Amino acid sequence: MQLGASLPVGDIGTGPAVIRDYAQAAEGLGFSYLLAPDHVLGANPDGNYEGRRVGTTATAYHDPFVLFGFLAGCTKSIGFASGVLILPHRRRRWSPSRPRASTCCAAATAASGSASGSDGTK
């Protein structure tokens, strides 16, 4: 069984040092992975939510892909997972059901006749 820790960005903030320290501490405690939220839009911070904790635009969230890239350089073995990935807010090429961007670009370049070999020739 693997146990993970959730990255509490709303509680610890979003500074690189505090996030690095949290990730290294979780790894040191033996957690298998870190779970990061994806939150593109937030509620109005001035709204009345009757005491409920609501994510607002006042709370910053890191893009999970960028965050995991940063944390991969700060940790040794811990894995990463996104609690929710809001795919419609990203470019279509991120979708696993679509061809990889390099495949799309190569096909478009070849179709336009501007593909060149490694020596610069067509």
Protein backbone atom coordinates (compact mmCIF):
# COMPACT_ATOMS: atom_id res chain seq x y z
CA MET A 1 0.00 0.00 0.00
CA GLN A 2 1.20 3.51 -0.80
CA LEU A 3 0.47 6.48 1.41
CA GLY A 4 0.58 10.03 0.11
CA ALA A 5 0.43 13.50 1.54
CA SER A 6 -1.66 16.34 0.18
CA LEU A 7 0.09 19.64 -0.47
CA PRO A 8 -1.85 22.19 1.64
CA VAL A 9 -1.22 25.30 -0.47
CA GLY A 10 -4.03 27.20 1.24
CA ASP A 11 -2.39 26.69 4.63
CA ILE A 12 1.36 26.87 4.00
CA GLY A 13 1.45 29.32 1.11
CA THR A 14 3.00 29.00 -2.31
CA GLY A 15 6.60 30.14 -1.80
CA PRO A 16 9.21 27.82 -3.33
CA ALA A 17 11.14 27.31 -0.08
CA VAL A 18 8.12 26.28 1.99
CA ILE A 19 6.86 23.93 -0.74
CA ARG A 20 10.33 22.39 -1.14
CA ASP A 21 10.65 21.92 2.63
CA TYR A 22 7.19 20.33 2.84
CA ALA A 23 7.98 17.92 -0.01
CA GLN A 24 11.34 16.94 1.48
CA ALA A 25 9.75 16.43 4.90
CA ALA A 26 7.01 14.23 3.41
CA GLU A 27 9.64 12.21 1.57
CA GLY A 28 11.72 11.92 4.75
CA LEU A 29 8.68 10.64 6.65
CA GLY A 30 8.26 7.86 4.09
CA PHE A 31 5.27 9.08 2.09
CA SER A 32 5.11 7.57 -1.41
CA TYR A 33 3.67 10.56 -3.23
CA LEU A 34 2.49 14.15 -2.95
CA LEU A 35 -0.96 15.12 -4.11
CA ALA A 36 -1.37 18.64 -5.49
CA PRO A 37 -4.63 20.39 -6.31
CA ASP A 38 -5.42 21.98 -9.64
CA HIS A 39 -7.56 25.05 -9.25
CA VAL A 40 -7.87 27.41 -12.19
CA LEU A 41 -10.65 29.74 -11.07
CA GLY A 42 -11.67 30.83 -7.61
CA ALA A 43 -14.66 32.41 -5.94
CA ASN A 44 -14.86 36.10 -5.08
CA PRO A 45 -12.78 36.63 -1.92
CA ASP A 46 -15.25 39.28 -0.70
CA GLY A 47 -18.24 36.91 -0.88
CA ASN A 48 -20.18 35.65 2.15
CA TYR A 49 -19.71 31.86 2.36
CA GLU A 50 -21.25 31.48 5.83
CA GLY A 51 -18.07 30.18 7.45
CA ARG A 52 -17.39 27.54 4.80
CA ARG A 53 -13.83 27.28 3.52
CA VAL A 54 -13.98 28.20 -0.16
CA GLY A 55 -11.10 28.52 -2.61
CA THR A 56 -10.93 32.10 -3.81
CA THR A 57 -8.86 34.13 -6.24
CA ALA A 58 -6.86 35.32 -3.21
CA THR A 59 -5.31 31.84 -2.82
CA ALA A 60 -2.68 31.05 -5.41
CA TYR A 61 -2.33 27.56 -6.86
CA HIS A 62 0.61 26.29 -8.84
CA ASP A 63 0.09 24.49 -12.13
CA PRO A 64 0.61 20.81 -11.20
CA PHE A 65 2.95 20.11 -14.13
CA VAL A 66 5.23 23.03 -13.26
CA LEU A 67 5.05 22.25 -9.55
CA PHE A 68 5.95 18.59 -10.06
CA GLY A 69 8.85 19.56 -12.31
CA PHE A 70 10.18 21.85 -9.57
CA LEU A 71 9.68 19.24 -6.84
CA ALA A 72 11.33 16.51 -8.93
CA GLY A 73 14.50 18.58 -8.74
CA CYS A 74 14.18 18.98 -4.96
CA THR A 75 13.37 15.39 -3.99
CA LYS A 76 14.87 11.96 -4.64
CA SER A 77 12.14 9.33 -4.82
CA ILE A 78 8.70 10.66 -3.96
CA GLY A 79 6.00 10.44 -6.63
CA PHE A 80 3.44 13.04 -7.64
CA ALA A 81 -0.28 13.00 -8.34
CA SER A 82 -2.86 15.62 -9.20
CA GLY A 83 -6.05 15.42 -7.14
CA VAL A 84 -8.02 16.91 -10.01
CA LEU A 85 -6.73 17.95 -13.40
CA ILE A 86 -8.88 20.56 -15.11
CA LEU A 87 -8.13 19.49 -18.66
CA PRO A 88 -10.45 21.89 -20.54
CA HIS A 89 -8.39 24.83 -19.25
CA ARG A 90 -5.29 23.50 -20.96
CA ARG A 91 -4.35 23.25 -24.58
CA ARG A 92 -5.80 20.19 -26.33
CA ARG A 93 -2.42 18.57 -26.84
CA TRP A 94 -2.27 17.74 -23.11
CA SER A 95 -5.08 15.22 -23.53
CA PRO A 96 -3.94 11.58 -23.61
CA SER A 97 -6.54 10.89 -26.30
CA ARG A 98 -4.77 13.27 -28.71
CA PRO A 99 -1.51 12.60 -30.56
CA ARG A 100 1.60 13.98 -28.93
CA ALA A 101 2.48 17.55 -29.88
CA SER A 102 5.73 16.45 -31.53
CA THR A 103 3.76 14.01 -33.71
CA CYS A 104 1.29 16.75 -34.70
CA CYS A 105 4.06 19.22 -35.46
CA ALA A 106 6.05 16.67 -37.47
CA ALA A 107 2.98 15.72 -39.50
CA ALA A 108 2.13 19.37 -40.18
CA THR A 109 5.72 20.17 -41.16
CA ALA A 110 5.93 17.18 -43.48
CA ALA A 111 2.59 18.06 -45.06
CA SER A 112 3.74 21.61 -45.74
CA GLY A 113 6.87 20.36 -47.49
CA SER A 114 9.23 22.18 -45.16
CA ALA A 115 10.60 19.15 -43.34
CA SER A 116 14.36 18.89 -43.47
CA GLY A 117 16.80 16.19 -42.56
CA SER A 118 19.43 16.37 -39.86
CA ASP A 119 21.91 17.78 -42.39
CA GLY A 120 19.54 20.62 -43.35
CA THR A 121 18.45 19.07 -46.67
CA LYS A 122 14.86 18.34 -47.61
